[in-house]
C-alpha atoms as a PDB file:
ATOM      1  CA  MET A   1       9.104  23.791  23.959  1.00  0.00           C
ATOM      2  CA  GLU A   2      11.861  22.784  21.531  1.00  0.00           C
ATOM      3  CA  THR A   3      10.724  19.156  21.582  1.00  0.00           C
ATOM      4  CA  ALA A   4       7.119  20.176  20.889  1.00  0.00           C
ATOM      5  CA  ASN A   5       8.171  22.381  17.970  1.00  0.00           C
ATOM      6  CA  THR A   6      10.286  19.569  16.539  1.00  0.00           C
ATOM      7  CA  PHE A   7       7.371  17.139  16.895  1.00  0.00           C
ATOM      8  CA  ILE A   8       5.024  19.535  15.121  1.00  0.00           C
ATOM      9  CA  SER A   9       7.611  20.014  12.374  1.00  0.00           C
ATOM     10  CA  TRP A  10       7.975  16.274  11.775  1.00  0.00           C
ATOM     11  CA  ARG A  11       4.225  15.768  11.662  1.00  0.00           C
ATOM     12  CA  TRP A  12       3.803  18.726   9.300  1.00  0.00           C
ATOM     13  CA  ILE A  13       6.554  17.431   7.039  1.00  0.00           C
ATOM     14  CA  GLY A  14       5.048  13.948   7.118  1.00  0.00           C
ATOM     15  CA  VAL A  15       1.589  15.226   6.171  1.00  0.00           C
ATOM     16  CA  THR A  16       3.009  17.407   3.392  1.00  0.00           C
ATOM     17  CA  LEU A  17       5.089  14.517   2.071  1.00  0.00           C
ATOM     18  CA  MET A  18       1.969  12.336   2.111  1.00  0.00           C
ATOM     19  CA  VAL A  19       0.085  14.944   0.052  1.00  0.00           C
ATOM     20  CA  THR A  20       3.021  15.098  -2.364  1.00  0.00           C
ATOM     21  CA  VAL A  21       2.955  11.317  -2.752  1.00  0.00           C
ATOM     22  CA  VAL A  22      -0.756  11.518  -3.562  1.00  0.00           C
ATOM     23  CA  ILE A  23      -0.074  14.220  -6.175  1.00  0.00           C
ATOM     24  CA  PHE A  24       2.600  12.045  -7.753  1.00  0.00           C
ATOM     25  CA  MET A  25       0.279   9.023  -7.791  1.00  0.00           C
ATOM     26  CA  ILE A  26      -2.432  11.105  -9.460  1.00  0.00           C
ATOM     27  CA  GLY A  27       0.101  12.022 -12.124  1.00  0.00           C
ATOM     28  CA  ALA A  28       1.231   8.412 -12.495  1.00  0.00           C
ATOM     29  CA  GLY A  29      -2.328   7.202 -12.954  1.00  0.00           C
ATOM     30  CA  SER A  30      -3.650  10.072 -15.048  1.00  0.00           C
ATOM     31  CA  ALA A  31      -2.081   9.089 -18.371  1.00  0.00           C
ATOM     32  CA  ALA A  32      -3.844   6.257 -20.220  1.00  0.00           C
ATOM     33  CA  TYR A  33      -0.470   5.360 -21.734  1.00  0.00           C
ATOM     34  CA  PHE A  34       0.948   4.282 -18.355  1.00  0.00           C
ATOM     35  CA  ARG A  35      -2.221   2.468 -17.272  1.00  0.00           C
ATOM     36  CA  GLN A  36      -1.674  -0.145 -19.978  1.00  0.00           C
ATOM     37  CA  TRP A  37       0.195  -3.343 -19.221  1.00  0.00           C
ATOM     38  CA  PRO A  38       2.387  -4.174 -20.903  1.00  0.00           C
ATOM     39  CA  LEU A  39       3.198  -0.660 -22.029  1.00  0.00           C
ATOM     40  CA  PRO A  40       2.802  -0.015 -25.770  1.00  0.00           C
ATOM     41  CA  SER A  41       5.952  -0.883 -27.702  1.00  0.00           C
ATOM     42  CA  ASP A  42       4.838  -0.209 -31.266  1.00  0.00           C
ATOM     43  CA  PRO A  43       5.484   3.471 -32.149  1.00  0.00           C
ATOM     44  CA  LEU A  44       2.074   3.879 -33.792  1.00  0.00           C
ATOM     45  CA  ASP A  45       0.291   2.419 -30.768  1.00  0.00           C
ATOM     46  CA  GLN A  46       2.309   4.725 -28.520  1.00  0.00           C
ATOM     47  CA  LEU A  47       1.418   7.805 -30.538  1.00  0.00           C
ATOM     48  CA  THR A  48      -2.247   6.797 -30.655  1.00  0.00           C
ATOM     49  CA  ALA A  49      -2.434   6.376 -26.888  1.00  0.00           C
ATOM     50  CA  ILE A  50      -0.828   9.790 -26.395  1.00  0.00           C
ATOM     51  CA  ALA A  51      -2.868  11.618 -29.037  1.00  0.00           C
ATOM     52  CA  ASN A  52      -6.150  10.314 -27.648  1.00  0.00           C
ATOM     53  CA  ASP A  53      -5.329  11.408 -24.096  1.00  0.00           C
ATOM     54  CA  ARG A  54      -5.714  15.186 -24.173  1.00  0.00           C
ATOM     55  CA  ILE A  55      -5.888  15.606 -20.387  1.00  0.00           C
ATOM     56  CA  GLY A  56      -4.015  12.765 -18.717  1.00  0.00           C
ATOM     57  CA  TRP A  57      -0.870  12.905 -20.833  1.00  0.00           C
ATOM     58  CA  PRO A  58      -0.026  16.586 -20.231  1.00  0.00           C
ATOM     59  CA  LEU A  59      -1.197  16.304 -16.613  1.00  0.00           C
ATOM     60  CA  GLN A  60       1.422  13.674 -15.757  1.00  0.00           C
ATOM     61  CA  ALA A  61       4.094  15.725 -17.498  1.00  0.00           C
ATOM     62  CA  ILE A  62       3.255  18.647 -15.186  1.00  0.00           C
ATOM     63  CA  LEU A  63       2.580  16.841 -11.892  1.00  0.00           C
ATOM     64  CA  PHE A  64       5.744  14.724 -11.904  1.00  0.00           C
ATOM     65  CA  PRO A  65       8.247  17.632 -11.740  1.00  0.00           C
ATOM     66  CA  VAL A  66       6.008  19.482  -9.281  1.00  0.00           C
ATOM     67  CA  ALA A  67       6.114  16.497  -6.929  1.00  0.00           C
ATOM     68  CA  TYR A  68       9.880  16.144  -7.359  1.00  0.00           C
ATOM     69  CA  LEU A  69      10.462  19.827  -6.560  1.00  0.00           C
ATOM     70  CA  VAL A  70       8.198  19.845  -3.494  1.00  0.00           C
ATOM     71  CA  THR A  71       9.926  16.726  -2.168  1.00  0.00           C
ATOM     72  CA  ALA A  72      13.350  18.316  -2.664  1.00  0.00           C
ATOM     73  CA  VAL A  73      12.171  21.346  -0.654  1.00  0.00           C
ATOM     74  CA  LEU A  74      10.858  19.058   2.104  1.00  0.00           C
ATOM     75  CA  PHE A  75      14.217  17.272   2.204  1.00  0.00           C
ATOM     76  CA  ALA A  76      15.908  20.655   2.657  1.00  0.00           C
ATOM     77  CA  ILE A  77      13.568  21.471   5.554  1.00  0.00           C
ATOM     78  CA  ILE A  78      14.344  18.117   7.145  1.00  0.00           C
ATOM     79  CA  ALA A  79      18.069  18.809   6.801  1.00  0.00           C
ATOM     80  CA  VAL A  80      17.667  22.106   8.654  1.00  0.00           C
ATOM     81  CA  HIS A  81      15.768  20.466  11.525  1.00  0.00           C
ATOM     82  CA  LEU A  82      17.943  17.404  12.064  1.00  0.00           C
ATOM     83  CA  PRO A  83      20.196  17.412  15.135  1.00  0.00           C
ATOM     84  CA  GLY A  84      23.889  16.561  14.788  1.00  0.00           C
ATOM     85  CA  SER A  85      26.325  17.207  11.951  1.00  0.00           C
ATOM     86  CA  ALA A  86      26.405  13.668  10.533  1.00  0.00           C
ATOM     87  CA  PRO A  87      22.628  13.342  10.019  1.00  0.00           C
ATOM     88  CA  ARG A  88      22.492  16.886   8.707  1.00  0.00           C
ATOM     89  CA  TRP A  89      25.187  16.272   6.101  1.00  0.00           C
ATOM     90  CA  LEU A  90      23.485  13.058   5.015  1.00  0.00           C
ATOM     91  CA  ALA A  91      20.252  15.013   4.615  1.00  0.00           C
ATOM     92  CA  VAL A  92      22.028  17.777   2.691  1.00  0.00           C
ATOM     93  CA  GLY A  93      23.438  15.170   0.313  1.00  0.00           C
ATOM     94  CA  ALA A  94      19.946  13.710  -0.077  1.00  0.00           C
ATOM     95  CA  THR A  95      18.529  17.165  -0.830  1.00  0.00           C
ATOM     96  CA  ILE A  96      21.156  17.893  -3.484  1.00  0.00           C
ATOM     97  CA  LEU A  97      20.578  14.532  -5.167  1.00  0.00           C
ATOM     98  CA  PHE A  98      16.790  14.928  -5.114  1.00  0.00           C
ATOM     99  CA  PHE A  99      17.015  18.433  -6.547  1.00  0.00           C
ATOM    100  CA  ALA A 100      19.326  17.031  -9.269  1.00  0.00           C
ATOM    101  CA  GLY A 101      16.640  14.427  -9.943  1.00  0.00           C
ATOM    102  CA  PHE A 102      14.090  17.213 -10.342  1.00  0.00           C
ATOM    103  CA  LEU A 103      16.336  19.039 -12.832  1.00  0.00           C
ATOM    104  CA  LEU A 104      16.975  15.839 -14.785  1.00  0.00           C
ATOM    105  CA  TRP A 105      13.241  15.198 -15.062  1.00  0.00           C
ATOM    106  CA  LEU A 106      12.525  18.617 -16.583  1.00  0.00           C
ATOM    107  CA  PRO A 107      13.748  17.686 -20.110  1.00  0.00           C
ATOM    108  CA  ILE A 108      11.694  14.485 -19.885  1.00  0.00           C
ATOM    109  CA  SER A 109       8.560  16.482 -19.036  1.00  0.00           C
ATOM    110  CA  ILE A 110       9.258  19.043 -21.757  1.00  0.00           C
ATOM    111  CA  GLU A 111       9.734  16.248 -24.296  1.00  0.00           C
ATOM    112  CA  ARG A 112       6.462  14.623 -23.187  1.00  0.00           C
ATOM    113  CA  LEU A 113       4.551  17.901 -23.486  1.00  0.00           C
ATOM    114  CA  GLN A 114       5.946  18.439 -26.978  1.00  0.00           C
ATOM    115  CA  LEU A 115       5.114  14.853 -27.869  1.00  0.00           C
ATOM    116  CA  GLY A 116       1.522  15.342 -26.740  1.00  0.00           C
ATOM    117  CA  ALA A 117       1.235  18.494 -28.840  1.00  0.00           C
ATOM    118  CA  HIS A 118       2.577  16.840 -32.000  1.00  0.00           C
ATOM    119  CA  ALA A 119       1.319  13.256 -31.628  1.00  0.00           C
ATOM    120  CA  ALA A 120      -1.661  13.704 -33.978  1.00  0.00           C
ATOM    121  CA  GLU A 121       0.532  15.197 -36.701  1.00  0.00           C
ATOM    122  CA  MET A 122       3.104  12.410 -36.235  1.00  0.00           C
ATOM    123  CA  ILE A 123       0.323   9.856 -36.770  1.00  0.00           C
ATOM    124  CA  ARG A 124      -0.813  11.633 -39.923  1.00  0.00           C
ATOM    125  CA  THR A 125       2.703  11.571 -41.389  1.00  0.00           C
ATOM    126  CA  TYR A 126       3.639   8.164 -39.940  1.00  0.00           C
ATOM    127  CA  ASP A 127       6.008   6.119 -42.097  1.00  0.00           C
ATOM    128  CA  PRO A 128       6.177   2.425 -41.080  1.00  0.00           C
ATOM    129  CA  GLY A 129       9.510   2.143 -42.843  1.00  0.00           C
ATOM    130  CA  VAL A 130      11.076   4.831 -40.661  1.00  0.00           C
ATOM    131  CA  PRO A 131       9.177   4.745 -37.351  1.00  0.00           C
ATOM    132  CA  PRO A 132       9.996   7.528 -34.878  1.00  0.00           C
ATOM    133  CA  ILE A 133      11.394   6.907 -31.400  1.00  0.00           C
ATOM    134  CA  VAL A 134       8.428   7.850 -29.239  1.00  0.00           C
ATOM    135  CA  MET A 135       9.579   6.941 -25.732  1.00  0.00           C
ATOM    136  CA  GLY A 136      13.040   6.158 -24.422  1.00  0.00           C
ATOM    137  CA  GLY A 137      15.017   8.370 -26.732  1.00  0.00           C
ATOM    138  CA  ALA A 138      17.124   9.694 -23.829  1.00  0.00           C
ATOM    139  CA  SER A 139      17.423   6.666 -21.567  1.00  0.00           C
ATOM    140  CA  TRP A 140      20.609   7.993 -19.944  1.00  0.00           C
ATOM    141  CA  VAL A 141      18.641  10.965 -18.599  1.00  0.00           C
ATOM    142  CA  PHE A 142      15.973   8.668 -17.165  1.00  0.00           C
ATOM    143  CA  TRP A 143      18.514   6.390 -15.491  1.00  0.00           C
ATOM    144  CA  SER A 144      20.545   9.302 -14.140  1.00  0.00           C
ATOM    145  CA  GLN A 145      17.361  10.765 -12.679  1.00  0.00           C
ATOM    146  CA  THR A 146      16.229   7.425 -11.260  1.00  0.00           C
ATOM    147  CA  LEU A 147      19.559   6.757  -9.542  1.00  0.00           C
ATOM    148  CA  CYS A 148      19.643  10.299  -8.116  1.00  0.00           C
ATOM    149  CA  ILE A 149      16.160   9.893  -6.617  1.00  0.00           C
ATOM    150  CA  LEU A 150      16.772   6.448  -5.134  1.00  0.00           C
ATOM    151  CA  ALA A 151      20.187   7.460  -3.752  1.00  0.00           C
ATOM    152  CA  ALA A 152      18.594  10.572  -2.226  1.00  0.00           C
ATOM    153  CA  ILE A 153      15.929   8.459  -0.521  1.00  0.00           C
ATOM    154  CA  ALA A 154      18.583   6.077   0.789  1.00  0.00           C
ATOM    155  CA  LEU A 155      20.621   8.952   2.261  1.00  0.00           C
ATOM    156  CA  MET A 156      17.570  10.587   3.822  1.00  0.00           C
ATOM    157  CA  GLY A 157      16.506   7.315   5.390  1.00  0.00           C
ATOM    158  CA  ALA A 158      19.971   6.962   6.908  1.00  0.00           C
ATOM    159  CA  ALA A 159      19.909  10.579   8.101  1.00  0.00           C
ATOM    160  CA  LEU A 160      16.587  10.110   9.878  1.00  0.00           C
ATOM    161  CA  ALA A 161      17.794   6.849  11.420  1.00  0.00           C
ATOM    162  CA  VAL A 162      21.120   8.241  12.661  1.00  0.00           C
ATOM    163  CA  ALA A 163      19.364  11.325  14.049  1.00  0.00           C
ATOM    164  CA  GLY A 164      16.978   9.112  15.994  1.00  0.00           C
ATOM    165  CA  VAL A 165      13.902  10.557  14.299  1.00  0.00           C
ATOM    166  CA  LEU A 166      13.091   7.270  12.577  1.00  0.00           C
ATOM    167  CA  PRO A 167      15.594   4.882  14.194  1.00  0.00           C
ATOM    168  CA  THR A 168      14.113   1.729  12.645  1.00  0.00           C
ATOM    169  CA  VAL A 169      11.961   2.946   9.762  1.00  0.00           C
ATOM    170  CA  GLY A 170      14.830   5.095   8.496  1.00  0.00           C
ATOM    171  CA  TRP A 171      17.023   2.039   7.927  1.00  0.00           C
ATOM    172  CA  VAL A 172      14.090   0.227   6.323  1.00  0.00           C
ATOM    173  CA  ILE A 173      13.725   3.139   3.888  1.00  0.00           C
ATOM    174  CA  THR A 174      17.448   3.038   3.117  1.00  0.00           C
ATOM    175  CA  GLY A 175      17.311  -0.715   2.559  1.00  0.00           C
ATOM    176  CA  LEU A 176      14.300  -0.438   0.248  1.00  0.00           C
ATOM    177  CA  ALA A 177      16.028   2.267  -1.811  1.00  0.00           C
ATOM    178  CA  VAL A 178      19.255   0.252  -2.137  1.00  0.00           C
ATOM    179  CA  VAL A 179      17.350  -2.898  -3.112  1.00  0.00           C
ATOM    180  CA  SER A 180      15.416  -0.825  -5.648  1.00  0.00           C
ATOM    181  CA  ILE A 181      18.642   0.377  -7.244  1.00  0.00           C
ATOM    182  CA  VAL A 182      19.830  -3.220  -7.618  1.00  0.00           C
ATOM    183  CA  LEU A 183      16.474  -4.488  -8.903  1.00  0.00           C
ATOM    184  CA  GLY A 184      15.996  -1.620 -11.326  1.00  0.00           C
ATOM    185  CA  THR A 185      19.440  -1.683 -12.880  1.00  0.00           C
ATOM    186  CA  LEU A 186      20.371  -5.380 -12.786  1.00  0.00           C
ATOM    187  CA  VAL A 187      17.080  -7.308 -12.780  1.00  0.00           C
ATOM    188  CA  MET A 188      14.217  -5.253 -14.235  1.00  0.00           C
ATOM    189  CA  HIS A 189      16.315  -2.983 -16.492  1.00  0.00           C
ATOM    190  CA  ASP A 190      13.534  -0.470 -15.889  1.00  0.00           C
ATOM    191  CA  TRP A 191      12.071   1.425 -12.957  1.00  0.00           C
ATOM    192  CA  PRO A 192       8.545   2.803 -12.621  1.00  0.00           C
ATOM    193  CA  PRO A 193       9.030   6.149 -10.822  1.00  0.00           C
ATOM    194  CA  PHE A 194       5.888   5.663  -8.731  1.00  0.00           C
ATOM    195  CA  ILE A 195       7.634   2.853  -6.813  1.00  0.00           C
ATOM    196  CA  SER A 196      10.151   5.402  -5.526  1.00  0.00           C
ATOM    197  CA  TYR A 197       7.225   7.373  -4.147  1.00  0.00           C
ATOM    198  CA  ILE A 198       5.836   4.277  -2.462  1.00  0.00           C
ATOM    199  CA  ILE A 199       9.087   4.216  -0.470  1.00  0.00           C
ATOM    200  CA  LEU A 200       8.568   7.890   0.326  1.00  0.00           C
ATOM    201  CA  LEU A 201       5.080   6.960   1.511  1.00  0.00           C
ATOM    202  CA  VAL A 202       6.724   4.815   4.196  1.00  0.00           C
ATOM    203  CA  MET A 203       8.784   7.856   5.193  1.00  0.00           C
ATOM    204  CA  ALA A 204       5.698  10.059   5.310  1.00  0.00           C
ATOM    205  CA  VAL A 205       3.806   7.650   7.548  1.00  0.00           C
ATOM    206  CA  GLY A 206       6.833   7.310   9.822  1.00  0.00           C
ATOM    207  CA  LEU A 207       7.201  11.063  10.205  1.00  0.00           C
ATOM    208  CA  MET A 208       3.483  11.494  10.846  1.00  0.00           C
ATOM    209  CA  ARG A 209       3.712   8.970  13.687  1.00  0.00           C
ATOM    210  CA  THR A 210       6.811  10.528  15.257  1.00  0.00           C
ATOM    211  CA  SER A 211       6.330  11.457  18.901  1.00  0.00           C
END
């Protein structure tokens, strides 16, 4: 009976994590600003893209923290269900880091909502000689949040591997998260948050297939 309950729990968590990934991807794709490549770099172009997107821009600012919070809760549930102290402590560390990532994203979302509300007025009063900083004004918050999320994913992958829940996929998840940290900080000098959720998609599929 205990094994069956554990199996149902892993499948339920996997399905819920999959839904959360979908929610995050909807948020990532909803804003016209982030669908452009390369992303706008001129402040006036940035403000124009934001001002003209009355639905997508605020939607991403709301869905991102929702997805982060739900994932942090799922990590906490996983930590409770894992057997053995070592996997459980790894999962607890992952939960704390992911929840910290959620908290760090809140000021980013608040800033984006305020930016969407004032973008039209900022265009009207735009001064080319003194252009405003539209995006990236608090890069340390973004990088702190990014590193918290990727480190949390790495720890959770290790926890699931050590616990025997995802003995192979768990290490793959950890490896992907570690490589992402290196690529983001040293090579790309940027990190699209949706890529972190692609790694979580691997976790979701693995948990859904657990037997």
